[in-house]
């Protein structure tokens, strides 16, 4: 099976154990940061590699 390039809001909410509305906020913030760095983003989804880079330590501590 191939790794997914993007995570949906539902996946972010489940991974971080937050509400869907909080996950939308997180996705928007991560996408804004990626846009500052010159990357194209997809609304409602976040690059999985970037998400792990930012929240990797958090995920390991669950």
N, C-alpha and C. Protein backbone atom coordinates (compact mmCIF):
# COMPACT_ATOMS: atom_id res chain seq x y z
N UNK A 1 0.85 -1.19 0.00
CA UNK A 1 0.00 0.00 0.00
C UNK A 1 0.89 1.25 0.00
N UNK A 2 0.48 2.25 -0.74
CA UNK A 2 1.26 3.48 -0.83
C UNK A 2 0.87 4.43 0.29
N UNK A 3 1.82 5.26 0.67
CA UNK A 3 1.55 6.27 1.69
C UNK A 3 0.73 7.39 1.09
N UNK A 4 -0.17 7.95 1.90
CA UNK A 4 -1.00 9.05 1.43
C UNK A 4 -0.20 10.34 1.49
N UNK A 5 -0.41 11.19 0.50
CA UNK A 5 0.28 12.47 0.45
C UNK A 5 -0.39 13.51 1.33
N UNK A 6 -1.71 13.41 1.47
CA UNK A 6 -2.47 14.40 2.22
C UNK A 6 -3.31 13.72 3.29
N UNK A 7 -3.54 14.46 4.36
CA UNK A 7 -4.44 14.01 5.42
C UNK A 7 -5.69 14.86 5.38
N UNK A 8 -6.83 14.23 5.60
CA UNK A 8 -8.09 14.97 5.64
C UNK A 8 -8.28 15.56 7.03
N UNK A 9 -9.26 16.43 7.14
CA UNK A 9 -9.59 17.03 8.44
C UNK A 9 -9.99 15.96 9.44
N UNK A 10 -10.74 14.96 8.98
CA UNK A 10 -11.16 13.88 9.86
C UNK A 10 -9.96 13.11 10.40
N UNK A 11 -8.96 12.87 9.56
CA UNK A 11 -7.76 12.17 9.99
C UNK A 11 -6.95 13.00 10.98
N UNK A 12 -6.87 14.31 10.73
CA UNK A 12 -6.17 15.20 11.66
C UNK A 12 -6.87 15.20 13.01
N UNK A 13 -8.20 15.29 13.01
CA UNK A 13 -8.97 15.28 14.25
C UNK A 13 -8.73 13.98 15.02
N UNK A 14 -8.74 12.87 14.33
CA UNK A 14 -8.53 11.58 14.99
C UNK A 14 -7.11 11.45 15.52
N UNK A 15 -6.14 11.89 14.75
CA UNK A 15 -4.74 11.77 15.13
C UNK A 15 -4.41 12.61 16.36
N UNK A 16 -4.96 13.82 16.41
CA UNK A 16 -4.67 14.74 17.51
C UNK A 16 -5.69 14.67 18.63
N UNK A 17 -6.74 13.90 18.40
CA UNK A 17 -7.83 13.77 19.39
C UNK A 17 -8.44 15.12 19.74
N UNK A 18 -8.82 15.84 18.67
CA UNK A 18 -9.47 17.14 18.83
C UNK A 18 -10.78 17.12 18.04
N UNK A 19 -11.59 18.16 18.23
CA UNK A 19 -12.84 18.26 17.50
C UNK A 19 -12.57 18.54 16.02
N UNK A 20 -13.59 18.33 15.22
CA UNK A 20 -13.45 18.58 13.79
C UNK A 20 -13.21 20.07 13.52
N UNK A 21 -13.87 20.94 14.28
CA UNK A 21 -13.67 22.38 14.06
C UNK A 21 -12.24 22.80 14.42
N UNK A 22 -11.68 22.22 15.47
CA UNK A 22 -10.29 22.51 15.83
C UNK A 22 -9.35 21.97 14.75
N UNK A 23 -9.67 20.80 14.19
CA UNK A 23 -8.85 20.22 13.12
C UNK A 23 -8.86 21.12 11.89
N UNK A 24 -10.03 21.70 11.56
CA UNK A 24 -10.08 22.65 10.44
C UNK A 24 -9.16 23.83 10.69
N UNK A 25 -9.16 24.34 11.91
CA UNK A 25 -8.29 25.46 12.26
C UNK A 25 -6.81 25.07 12.09
N UNK A 26 -6.45 23.89 12.55
CA UNK A 26 -5.08 23.42 12.44
C UNK A 26 -4.68 23.27 10.98
N UNK A 27 -5.57 22.69 10.17
CA UNK A 27 -5.28 22.51 8.74
C UNK A 27 -5.08 23.87 8.07
N UNK A 28 -5.93 24.84 8.39
CA UNK A 28 -5.78 26.19 7.81
C UNK A 28 -4.43 26.80 8.20
N UNK A 29 -4.05 26.66 9.47
CA UNK A 29 -2.78 27.22 9.93
C UNK A 29 -1.59 26.55 9.26
N UNK A 30 -1.63 25.24 9.15
CA UNK A 30 -0.54 24.52 8.49
C UNK A 30 -0.45 24.88 7.01
N UNK A 31 -1.60 24.98 6.36
CA UNK A 31 -1.61 25.36 4.95
C UNK A 31 -1.10 26.78 4.75
N UNK A 32 -1.43 27.68 5.66
CA UNK A 32 -0.94 29.06 5.57
C UNK A 32 0.58 29.08 5.68
N UNK A 33 1.12 28.27 6.59
CA UNK A 33 2.57 28.19 6.75
C UNK A 33 3.22 27.63 5.49
N UNK A 34 2.61 26.62 4.90
CA UNK A 34 3.16 26.05 3.67
C UNK A 34 3.11 27.06 2.53
N UNK A 35 2.03 27.84 2.44
CA UNK A 35 1.93 28.86 1.40
C UNK A 35 3.02 29.91 1.55
N UNK A 36 3.35 30.28 2.79
CA UNK A 36 4.44 31.23 3.03
C UNK A 36 5.76 30.70 2.50
N UNK A 37 5.91 29.37 2.54
CA UNK A 37 7.13 28.73 2.07
C UNK A 37 7.09 28.48 0.56
N UNK A 38 5.99 28.87 -0.10
CA UNK A 38 5.91 28.78 -1.54
C UNK A 38 5.26 27.52 -2.08
N UNK A 39 4.65 26.73 -1.21
CA UNK A 39 3.99 25.50 -1.65
C UNK A 39 2.53 25.75 -2.00
N UNK A 40 2.00 24.95 -2.90
CA UNK A 40 0.57 24.96 -3.19
C UNK A 40 -0.12 24.09 -2.15
N UNK A 41 -1.32 24.47 -1.77
CA UNK A 41 -2.06 23.70 -0.76
C UNK A 41 -3.43 23.32 -1.29
N UNK A 42 -4.06 22.38 -0.61
CA UNK A 42 -5.41 21.93 -0.95
C UNK A 42 -6.30 22.23 0.25
N UNK A 43 -7.38 22.96 0.04
CA UNK A 43 -8.29 23.31 1.12
C UNK A 43 -8.88 22.05 1.75
N UNK A 44 -8.89 22.02 3.08
CA UNK A 44 -9.47 20.89 3.79
C UNK A 44 -8.55 19.69 3.91
N UNK A 45 -7.32 19.82 3.42
CA UNK A 45 -6.33 18.74 3.51
C UNK A 45 -4.98 19.37 3.82
N UNK A 46 -4.14 18.56 4.45
CA UNK A 46 -2.80 19.04 4.78
C UNK A 46 -1.78 18.00 4.32
N UNK A 47 -0.64 18.48 3.88
CA UNK A 47 0.43 17.59 3.46
C UNK A 47 0.83 16.71 4.64
N UNK A 48 0.79 15.40 4.45
CA UNK A 48 1.06 14.45 5.54
C UNK A 48 2.48 14.59 6.07
N UNK A 49 3.45 14.79 5.20
CA UNK A 49 4.84 14.93 5.62
C UNK A 49 5.02 16.18 6.48
N UNK A 50 4.39 17.28 6.08
CA UNK A 50 4.49 18.52 6.85
C UNK A 50 3.80 18.36 8.20
N UNK A 51 2.65 17.69 8.22
CA UNK A 51 1.94 17.44 9.47
C UNK A 51 2.82 16.66 10.43
N UNK A 52 3.46 15.61 9.95
CA UNK A 52 4.31 14.78 10.81
C UNK A 52 5.52 15.57 11.28
N UNK A 53 6.05 16.44 10.42
CA UNK A 53 7.18 17.29 10.81
C UNK A 53 6.80 18.19 11.99
N UNK A 54 5.59 18.74 11.95
CA UNK A 54 5.15 19.66 13.00
C UNK A 54 4.67 18.91 14.24
N UNK A 55 3.86 17.88 14.05
CA UNK A 55 3.21 17.19 15.17
C UNK A 55 3.80 15.82 15.45
N UNK A 56 4.93 15.50 14.85
CA UNK A 56 5.53 14.18 15.02
C UNK A 56 5.77 13.81 16.47
N UNK A 57 6.37 14.70 17.24
CA UNK A 57 6.65 14.42 18.64
C UNK A 57 5.38 14.23 19.42
N UNK A 58 4.37 15.01 19.12
CA UNK A 58 3.08 14.89 19.80
C UNK A 58 2.49 13.52 19.55
N UNK A 59 2.54 13.07 18.31
CA UNK A 59 1.97 11.78 17.95
C UNK A 59 2.68 10.65 18.69
N UNK A 60 3.97 10.76 18.88
CA UNK A 60 4.72 9.71 19.56
C UNK A 60 4.43 9.66 21.05
N UNK A 61 3.97 10.77 21.62
CA UNK A 61 3.74 10.83 23.06
C UNK A 61 2.35 10.36 23.46
N UNK A 62 1.49 10.03 22.50
CA UNK A 62 0.13 9.58 22.85
C UNK A 62 0.13 8.21 23.45
